[in-house]
């Protein structure tokens, strides 16, 4: 993922989160994607926060839990 793509992903995720986008599934996916972008930028603490919030939104979604594990590495 290129740096420009990461910046756009983070910006769009922030706007969508502030707007209260979608239901639990959409919010979980959004937070999961933002977690991956934050981790790629070296923000492990922010990535973990988003990953855990993604798990809260979608507790049975394996990808959210994988994001938690990646952020904790």
N, C-alpha and C. Protein backbone atom coordinates (compact mmCIF):
# COMPACT_ATOMS: atom_id res chain seq x y z
N UNK A 1 0.85 -1.16 0.00
CA UNK A 1 0.00 0.00 0.00
C UNK A 1 0.90 1.23 0.00
N UNK A 2 0.71 2.12 -0.97
CA UNK A 2 1.52 3.33 -1.05
C UNK A 2 1.13 4.34 0.01
N UNK A 3 2.05 5.25 0.29
CA UNK A 3 1.82 6.26 1.32
C UNK A 3 0.58 7.11 1.04
N UNK A 4 0.40 7.50 -0.23
CA UNK A 4 -0.77 8.30 -0.60
C UNK A 4 -2.07 7.56 -0.36
N UNK A 5 -2.05 6.26 -0.66
CA UNK A 5 -3.23 5.43 -0.44
C UNK A 5 -3.56 5.34 1.05
N UNK A 6 -2.53 5.20 1.88
CA UNK A 6 -2.74 5.12 3.32
C UNK A 6 -3.35 6.40 3.86
N UNK A 7 -2.84 7.53 3.40
CA UNK A 7 -3.36 8.82 3.86
C UNK A 7 -4.83 8.96 3.47
N UNK A 8 -5.17 8.60 2.24
CA UNK A 8 -6.57 8.67 1.80
C UNK A 8 -7.45 7.72 2.60
N UNK A 9 -6.97 6.52 2.85
CA UNK A 9 -7.74 5.55 3.63
C UNK A 9 -8.02 6.08 5.03
N UNK A 10 -7.00 6.64 5.67
CA UNK A 10 -7.18 7.17 7.01
C UNK A 10 -8.15 8.35 7.02
N UNK A 11 -8.03 9.23 6.04
CA UNK A 11 -8.91 10.40 5.96
C UNK A 11 -10.36 9.98 5.73
N UNK A 12 -10.59 9.07 4.79
CA UNK A 12 -11.95 8.61 4.51
C UNK A 12 -12.55 7.86 5.70
N UNK A 13 -11.73 7.07 6.37
CA UNK A 13 -12.21 6.33 7.53
C UNK A 13 -12.60 7.29 8.66
N UNK A 14 -11.82 8.34 8.84
CA UNK A 14 -12.13 9.33 9.88
C UNK A 14 -13.47 10.02 9.59
N UNK A 15 -13.65 10.42 8.35
CA UNK A 15 -14.89 11.10 7.96
C UNK A 15 -16.09 10.16 8.13
N UNK A 16 -15.96 8.93 7.70
CA UNK A 16 -17.05 7.97 7.81
C UNK A 16 -17.37 7.67 9.27
N UNK A 17 -16.34 7.54 10.10
CA UNK A 17 -16.57 7.26 11.52
C UNK A 17 -17.28 8.44 12.18
N UNK A 18 -16.90 9.64 11.83
CA UNK A 18 -17.53 10.83 12.40
C UNK A 18 -18.98 10.95 11.95
N UNK A 19 -19.27 10.49 10.75
CA UNK A 19 -20.63 10.56 10.22
C UNK A 19 -21.51 9.43 10.75
N UNK A 20 -20.91 8.49 11.48
CA UNK A 20 -21.67 7.36 11.99
C UNK A 20 -22.11 6.41 10.89
N UNK A 21 -21.22 6.15 9.96
CA UNK A 21 -21.53 5.35 8.77
C UNK A 21 -22.04 3.96 9.11
N UNK A 22 -23.12 3.58 8.44
CA UNK A 22 -23.62 2.21 8.41
C UNK A 22 -23.94 1.57 9.74
N UNK A 23 -24.22 0.29 9.65
CA UNK A 23 -24.51 -0.52 10.82
C UNK A 23 -23.24 -1.16 11.35
N UNK A 24 -23.42 -2.15 12.20
CA UNK A 24 -22.29 -2.80 12.86
C UNK A 24 -21.32 -3.44 11.86
N UNK A 25 -21.85 -4.09 10.83
CA UNK A 25 -20.96 -4.75 9.86
C UNK A 25 -20.10 -3.73 9.12
N UNK A 26 -20.72 -2.66 8.66
CA UNK A 26 -19.97 -1.65 7.93
C UNK A 26 -18.97 -0.95 8.85
N UNK A 27 -19.39 -0.63 10.06
CA UNK A 27 -18.49 0.03 11.01
C UNK A 27 -17.30 -0.89 11.34
N UNK A 28 -17.58 -2.18 11.53
CA UNK A 28 -16.50 -3.12 11.82
C UNK A 28 -15.49 -3.20 10.68
N UNK A 29 -15.98 -3.22 9.45
CA UNK A 29 -15.09 -3.27 8.29
C UNK A 29 -14.29 -1.99 8.16
N UNK A 30 -14.93 -0.87 8.38
CA UNK A 30 -14.26 0.43 8.31
C UNK A 30 -13.13 0.51 9.34
N UNK A 31 -13.43 0.12 10.56
CA UNK A 31 -12.42 0.16 11.61
C UNK A 31 -11.29 -0.82 11.34
N UNK A 32 -11.62 -1.96 10.79
CA UNK A 32 -10.60 -2.95 10.43
C UNK A 32 -9.65 -2.40 9.37
N UNK A 33 -10.21 -1.75 8.37
CA UNK A 33 -9.38 -1.17 7.32
C UNK A 33 -8.52 -0.03 7.86
N UNK A 34 -9.10 0.79 8.73
CA UNK A 34 -8.32 1.89 9.30
C UNK A 34 -7.22 1.33 10.20
N UNK A 35 -7.49 0.24 10.88
CA UNK A 35 -6.47 -0.42 11.70
C UNK A 35 -5.28 -0.84 10.84
N UNK A 36 -5.57 -1.46 9.70
CA UNK A 36 -4.50 -1.90 8.80
C UNK A 36 -3.69 -0.70 8.28
N UNK A 37 -4.38 0.37 7.95
CA UNK A 37 -3.68 1.57 7.45
C UNK A 37 -2.81 2.18 8.55
N UNK A 38 -3.32 2.24 9.75
CA UNK A 38 -2.54 2.80 10.86
C UNK A 38 -1.31 1.93 11.14
N UNK A 39 -1.50 0.63 11.11
CA UNK A 39 -0.37 -0.26 11.37
C UNK A 39 0.70 -0.10 10.29
N UNK A 40 0.27 0.03 9.05
CA UNK A 40 1.22 0.21 7.94
C UNK A 40 2.01 1.51 8.08
N UNK A 41 1.43 2.50 8.75
CA UNK A 41 2.11 3.79 8.98
C UNK A 41 2.93 3.78 10.26
N UNK A 42 2.90 2.66 10.99
CA UNK A 42 3.70 2.54 12.20
C UNK A 42 3.00 2.95 13.48
N UNK A 43 1.68 3.15 13.42
CA UNK A 43 0.89 3.54 14.59
C UNK A 43 0.24 2.31 15.19
N UNK A 44 1.03 1.51 15.92
CA UNK A 44 0.52 0.26 16.47
C UNK A 44 -0.56 0.50 17.52
N UNK A 45 -0.43 1.53 18.34
CA UNK A 45 -1.42 1.81 19.38
C UNK A 45 -2.77 2.19 18.74
N UNK A 46 -2.75 3.05 17.74
CA UNK A 46 -3.97 3.43 17.04
C UNK A 46 -4.58 2.25 16.31
N UNK A 47 -3.71 1.42 15.72
CA UNK A 47 -4.18 0.23 15.02
C UNK A 47 -4.88 -0.72 15.98
N UNK A 48 -4.32 -0.88 17.17
CA UNK A 48 -4.93 -1.76 18.16
C UNK A 48 -6.27 -1.21 18.62
N UNK A 49 -6.35 0.09 18.85
CA UNK A 49 -7.63 0.70 19.25
C UNK A 49 -8.71 0.42 18.21
N UNK A 50 -8.37 0.63 16.94
CA UNK A 50 -9.36 0.40 15.88
C UNK A 50 -9.70 -1.08 15.74
N UNK A 51 -8.70 -1.94 15.87
CA UNK A 51 -8.96 -3.38 15.76
C UNK A 51 -9.88 -3.86 16.87
N UNK A 52 -9.65 -3.38 18.08
CA UNK A 52 -10.51 -3.78 19.19
C UNK A 52 -11.94 -3.24 19.02
N UNK A 53 -12.05 -2.03 18.50
CA UNK A 53 -13.38 -1.46 18.22
C UNK A 53 -14.07 -2.26 17.12
N UNK A 54 -13.29 -2.73 16.14
CA UNK A 54 -13.85 -3.56 15.08
C UNK A 54 -14.38 -4.87 15.66
N UNK A 55 -13.65 -5.44 16.60
CA UNK A 55 -14.11 -6.67 17.27
C UNK A 55 -15.39 -6.43 18.06
N UNK A 56 -15.50 -5.28 18.68
CA UNK A 56 -16.71 -4.96 19.44
C UNK A 56 -17.91 -4.83 18.50
N UNK A 57 -17.67 -4.28 17.32
CA UNK A 57 -18.76 -4.11 16.35
C UNK A 57 -19.14 -5.44 15.69
N UNK A 58 -18.13 -6.27 15.44
CA UNK A 58 -18.37 -7.55 14.75
C UNK A 58 -17.60 -8.66 15.47
N UNK A 59 -18.07 -9.10 16.63
CA UNK A 59 -17.30 -10.04 17.44
C UNK A 59 -17.06 -11.42 16.82
N UNK A 60 -17.84 -11.80 15.84
CA UNK A 60 -17.66 -13.12 15.21
C UNK A 60 -16.87 -13.05 13.91
N UNK A 61 -16.36 -11.88 13.57
CA UNK A 61 -15.64 -11.70 12.31
C UNK A 61 -14.15 -11.94 12.55
N UNK A 62 -13.63 -12.99 11.96
CA UNK A 62 -12.24 -13.37 12.16
C UNK A 62 -11.22 -12.32 11.77
N UNK A 63 -11.51 -11.58 10.71
CA UNK A 63 -10.55 -10.58 10.23
C UNK A 63 -10.29 -9.52 11.30
N UNK A 64 -11.33 -9.15 12.05
CA UNK A 64 -11.14 -8.16 13.11
C UNK A 64 -10.15 -8.67 14.15
N UNK A 65 -10.28 -9.94 14.50
CA UNK A 65 -9.37 -10.52 15.49
C UNK A 65 -7.95 -10.65 14.93
N UNK A 66 -7.83 -10.89 13.63
CA UNK A 66 -6.49 -10.93 13.02
C UNK A 66 -5.83 -9.55 13.09
N UNK A 67 -6.63 -8.50 12.95
CA UNK A 67 -6.09 -7.14 13.07
C UNK A 67 -5.58 -6.88 14.49
N UNK A 68 -6.28 -7.39 15.48
CA UNK A 68 -5.82 -7.26 16.88
C UNK A 68 -4.47 -7.94 17.03
N UNK A 69 -4.36 -9.17 16.53
CA UNK A 69 -3.10 -9.90 16.64
C UNK A 69 -1.97 -9.18 15.93
N UNK A 70 -2.24 -8.65 14.75
CA UNK A 70 -1.20 -7.95 13.99
C UNK A 70 -0.74 -6.69 14.74
N UNK A 71 -1.66 -5.98 15.34
CA UNK A 71 -1.30 -4.75 16.06
C UNK A 71 -0.51 -5.05 17.33
N UNK A 72 -0.71 -6.22 17.88
CA UNK A 72 0.00 -6.60 19.11
C UNK A 72 1.38 -7.18 18.85
N UNK A 73 1.70 -7.49 17.61
CA UNK A 73 3.01 -8.10 17.30
C UNK A 73 4.16 -7.18 17.62
